[in-house]
Amino acid sequence: HANFSDLVPLPQAANLSVRASGTNVVLSFPTQLGSSYTILYKNKLTDAIWMPLGASVPGSGSNMSVTNGMTGNAQFYLLEVQ
């Protein structure tokens, strides 16, 4: 239809903050209703695949946190928003 447009809201950009808490790493991020969030990680940036750190969580409109135990090795984190 030439005179029809459909506006779809995009997920808001989310910043991932990381802090140490005892022997854990706490990853926190703001969420938005209708979006889904997955924390991905790599042990080395040269690893071919980002691995999920647990299941995806639905956005609630508030800040959420995910806790991961420190392994003693470096880990790199990525927040995927869908």
N, C-alpha and C. Protein backbone atom coordinates (compact mmCIF):
# COMPACT_ATOMS: atom_id res chain seq x y z
N HIS A 1 0.84 -1.16 0.00
CA HIS A 1 0.00 0.00 0.00
C HIS A 1 0.89 1.22 0.00
N ALA A 2 0.76 2.08 -0.98
CA ALA A 2 1.68 3.21 -1.16
C ALA A 2 1.54 4.27 -0.08
N ASN A 3 0.37 4.44 0.50
CA ASN A 3 0.15 5.51 1.48
C ASN A 3 0.06 4.97 2.91
N PHE A 4 0.68 3.85 3.16
CA PHE A 4 0.61 3.23 4.47
C PHE A 4 2.02 3.13 5.05
N SER A 5 2.17 3.50 6.29
CA SER A 5 3.46 3.30 6.96
C SER A 5 3.19 2.68 8.33
N ASP A 6 4.12 1.90 8.78
CA ASP A 6 4.00 1.21 10.06
C ASP A 6 5.19 1.62 10.91
N LEU A 7 4.94 2.27 12.04
CA LEU A 7 6.02 2.70 12.92
C LEU A 7 6.23 1.65 13.99
N VAL A 8 7.45 1.18 14.10
CA VAL A 8 7.80 0.16 15.07
C VAL A 8 8.82 0.77 16.02
N PRO A 9 8.53 0.80 17.33
CA PRO A 9 9.52 1.37 18.26
C PRO A 9 10.76 0.51 18.34
N LEU A 10 11.91 1.15 18.37
CA LEU A 10 13.18 0.44 18.52
C LEU A 10 13.53 0.33 19.99
N PRO A 11 14.17 -0.75 20.39
CA PRO A 11 14.60 -0.84 21.78
C PRO A 11 15.58 0.29 22.10
N GLN A 12 15.47 0.83 23.31
CA GLN A 12 16.40 1.88 23.69
C GLN A 12 17.79 1.30 23.88
N ALA A 13 18.80 2.10 23.61
CA ALA A 13 20.17 1.65 23.84
C ALA A 13 20.35 1.42 25.34
N ALA A 14 21.02 0.36 25.70
CA ALA A 14 21.22 0.04 27.11
C ALA A 14 22.71 -0.03 27.40
N ASN A 15 23.11 0.63 28.43
CA ASN A 15 24.50 0.59 28.87
C ASN A 15 24.66 -0.49 29.92
N LEU A 16 25.70 -1.27 29.77
CA LEU A 16 25.99 -2.34 30.70
C LEU A 16 27.05 -1.84 31.69
N SER A 17 26.71 -1.85 32.97
CA SER A 17 27.71 -1.48 33.97
C SER A 17 28.15 -2.75 34.71
N VAL A 18 29.43 -2.78 35.05
CA VAL A 18 30.03 -3.97 35.66
C VAL A 18 30.73 -3.55 36.94
N ARG A 19 30.51 -4.32 38.02
CA ARG A 19 31.22 -4.05 39.27
C ARG A 19 31.50 -5.37 39.97
N ALA A 20 32.54 -5.35 40.78
CA ALA A 20 32.89 -6.52 41.58
C ALA A 20 32.14 -6.47 42.90
N SER A 21 31.68 -7.63 43.36
CA SER A 21 31.02 -7.76 44.65
C SER A 21 31.48 -9.07 45.27
N GLY A 22 32.46 -9.00 46.15
CA GLY A 22 33.02 -10.22 46.73
C GLY A 22 33.70 -11.04 45.66
N THR A 23 33.27 -12.28 45.49
CA THR A 23 33.85 -13.16 44.47
C THR A 23 32.99 -13.20 43.20
N ASN A 24 32.10 -12.22 43.04
CA ASN A 24 31.21 -12.17 41.88
C ASN A 24 31.40 -10.89 41.08
N VAL A 25 30.96 -10.95 39.84
CA VAL A 25 30.84 -9.79 38.97
C VAL A 25 29.36 -9.52 38.83
N VAL A 26 28.93 -8.29 39.06
CA VAL A 26 27.51 -7.91 38.94
C VAL A 26 27.38 -7.02 37.70
N LEU A 27 26.55 -7.46 36.75
CA LEU A 27 26.31 -6.74 35.51
C LEU A 27 24.91 -6.14 35.60
N SER A 28 24.81 -4.82 35.50
CA SER A 28 23.52 -4.12 35.64
C SER A 28 23.23 -3.34 34.37
N PHE A 29 21.92 -3.23 34.06
CA PHE A 29 21.52 -2.53 32.84
C PHE A 29 20.06 -2.09 32.96
N PRO A 30 19.72 -0.95 32.33
CA PRO A 30 18.32 -0.50 32.32
C PRO A 30 17.53 -1.33 31.31
N THR A 31 16.24 -1.53 31.57
CA THR A 31 15.40 -2.30 30.65
C THR A 31 14.19 -1.49 30.23
N GLN A 32 13.56 -1.98 29.20
CA GLN A 32 12.36 -1.36 28.65
C GLN A 32 11.32 -2.46 28.43
N LEU A 33 10.08 -2.18 28.79
CA LEU A 33 9.00 -3.15 28.55
C LEU A 33 8.96 -3.50 27.07
N GLY A 34 8.74 -4.77 26.77
CA GLY A 34 8.64 -5.22 25.38
C GLY A 34 9.96 -5.65 24.77
N SER A 35 11.07 -5.42 25.47
CA SER A 35 12.38 -5.85 24.98
C SER A 35 12.86 -7.04 25.81
N SER A 36 13.79 -7.79 25.23
CA SER A 36 14.38 -8.93 25.90
C SER A 36 15.89 -8.71 25.96
N TYR A 37 16.53 -9.14 27.05
CA TYR A 37 17.95 -8.85 27.29
C TYR A 37 18.71 -10.14 27.57
N THR A 38 19.86 -10.27 26.92
CA THR A 38 20.73 -11.42 27.12
C THR A 38 22.16 -10.93 27.32
N ILE A 39 22.80 -11.39 28.38
CA ILE A 39 24.22 -11.12 28.59
C ILE A 39 25.00 -12.22 27.88
N LEU A 40 25.94 -11.82 27.04
CA LEU A 40 26.81 -12.76 26.34
C LEU A 40 28.23 -12.54 26.85
N TYR A 41 29.07 -13.58 26.77
CA TYR A 41 30.45 -13.43 27.23
C TYR A 41 31.41 -14.21 26.34
N LYS A 42 32.68 -13.79 26.41
CA LYS A 42 33.80 -14.49 25.79
C LYS A 42 34.92 -14.51 26.82
N ASN A 43 35.72 -15.56 26.80
CA ASN A 43 36.91 -15.60 27.64
C ASN A 43 38.08 -14.87 26.98
N LYS A 44 38.10 -14.86 25.64
CA LYS A 44 39.10 -14.12 24.86
C LYS A 44 38.37 -13.43 23.72
N LEU A 45 38.77 -12.21 23.40
CA LEU A 45 38.11 -11.51 22.30
C LEU A 45 38.30 -12.22 20.98
N THR A 46 39.32 -13.05 20.86
CA THR A 46 39.55 -13.80 19.63
C THR A 46 38.68 -15.04 19.51
N ASP A 47 37.95 -15.41 20.59
CA ASP A 47 37.01 -16.54 20.50
C ASP A 47 35.99 -16.24 19.41
N ALA A 48 35.60 -17.25 18.67
CA ALA A 48 34.71 -17.06 17.53
C ALA A 48 33.27 -16.75 17.94
N ILE A 49 32.83 -17.27 19.08
CA ILE A 49 31.40 -17.19 19.43
C ILE A 49 31.22 -16.54 20.79
N TRP A 50 30.21 -15.64 20.88
CA TRP A 50 29.76 -15.11 22.18
C TRP A 50 28.81 -16.15 22.78
N MET A 51 29.02 -16.51 24.04
CA MET A 51 28.19 -17.50 24.71
C MET A 51 27.20 -16.81 25.65
N PRO A 52 25.95 -17.30 25.73
CA PRO A 52 24.98 -16.69 26.66
C PRO A 52 25.33 -16.98 28.11
N LEU A 53 25.17 -15.99 28.94
CA LEU A 53 25.37 -16.14 30.39
C LEU A 53 23.97 -16.26 30.99
N GLY A 54 23.42 -17.46 30.96
CA GLY A 54 22.05 -17.67 31.44
C GLY A 54 21.02 -17.36 30.36
N ALA A 55 19.77 -17.39 30.77
CA ALA A 55 18.65 -17.19 29.85
C ALA A 55 18.39 -15.70 29.63
N SER A 56 17.69 -15.39 28.55
CA SER A 56 17.24 -14.02 28.30
C SER A 56 16.25 -13.61 29.38
N VAL A 57 16.22 -12.32 29.69
CA VAL A 57 15.27 -11.80 30.67
C VAL A 57 14.41 -10.73 30.00
N PRO A 58 13.11 -10.74 30.30
CA PRO A 58 12.24 -9.71 29.71
C PRO A 58 12.43 -8.38 30.43
N GLY A 59 12.33 -7.29 29.67
CA GLY A 59 12.44 -5.96 30.26
C GLY A 59 11.23 -5.65 31.12
N SER A 60 11.47 -4.92 32.21
CA SER A 60 10.40 -4.57 33.13
C SER A 60 10.23 -3.05 33.25
N GLY A 61 11.12 -2.31 32.59
CA GLY A 61 11.09 -0.86 32.72
C GLY A 61 11.98 -0.36 33.85
N SER A 62 12.65 -1.27 34.55
CA SER A 62 13.54 -0.87 35.65
C SER A 62 14.93 -1.47 35.40
N ASN A 63 15.87 -1.15 36.27
CA ASN A 63 17.21 -1.72 36.15
C ASN A 63 17.19 -3.18 36.58
N MET A 64 17.99 -3.99 35.89
CA MET A 64 18.12 -5.40 36.22
C MET A 64 19.59 -5.71 36.42
N SER A 65 19.87 -6.78 37.15
CA SER A 65 21.24 -7.21 37.40
C SER A 65 21.37 -8.70 37.19
N VAL A 66 22.53 -9.11 36.70
CA VAL A 66 22.88 -10.51 36.54
C VAL A 66 24.22 -10.69 37.24
N THR A 67 24.36 -11.77 38.02
CA THR A 67 25.58 -12.03 38.76
C THR A 67 26.32 -13.22 38.15
N ASN A 68 27.64 -13.08 38.04
CA ASN A 68 28.48 -14.14 37.51
C ASN A 68 29.67 -14.31 38.44
N GLY A 69 30.02 -15.54 38.75
CA GLY A 69 31.18 -15.79 39.60
C GLY A 69 32.47 -15.45 38.88
N MET A 70 33.43 -14.87 39.62
CA MET A 70 34.74 -14.58 39.03
C MET A 70 35.49 -15.88 38.83
N THR A 71 36.08 -16.02 37.66
CA THR A 71 36.79 -17.25 37.33
C THR A 71 38.29 -17.15 37.55
N GLY A 72 38.79 -15.95 37.78
CA GLY A 72 40.23 -15.76 37.88
C GLY A 72 40.85 -15.42 36.53
N ASN A 73 40.09 -15.60 35.46
CA ASN A 73 40.52 -15.25 34.11
C ASN A 73 39.70 -14.06 33.63
N ALA A 74 40.22 -13.35 32.67
CA ALA A 74 39.48 -12.23 32.08
C ALA A 74 38.25 -12.75 31.34
N GLN A 75 37.15 -12.01 31.43
CA GLN A 75 35.97 -12.30 30.62
C GLN A 75 35.49 -10.98 30.03
N PHE A 76 34.92 -11.06 28.85
CA PHE A 76 34.39 -9.91 28.15
C PHE A 76 32.89 -10.09 28.02
N TYR A 77 32.13 -9.02 28.24
CA TYR A 77 30.67 -9.10 28.28
C TYR A 77 30.05 -8.21 27.22
N LEU A 78 28.89 -8.65 26.72
CA LEU A 78 28.13 -7.93 25.72
C LEU A 78 26.66 -8.05 26.10
N LEU A 79 25.92 -6.95 26.01
CA LEU A 79 24.49 -6.96 26.28
C LEU A 79 23.75 -6.96 24.96
N GLU A 80 22.96 -8.00 24.71
CA GLU A 80 22.16 -8.11 23.50
C GLU A 80 20.73 -7.72 23.83
N VAL A 81 20.17 -6.77 23.06
CA VAL A 81 18.80 -6.30 23.26
C VAL A 81 17.98 -6.71 22.05
N GLN A 82 16.85 -7.35 22.32
CA GLN A 82 15.96 -7.77 21.22
C GLN A 82 14.60 -7.20 21.45
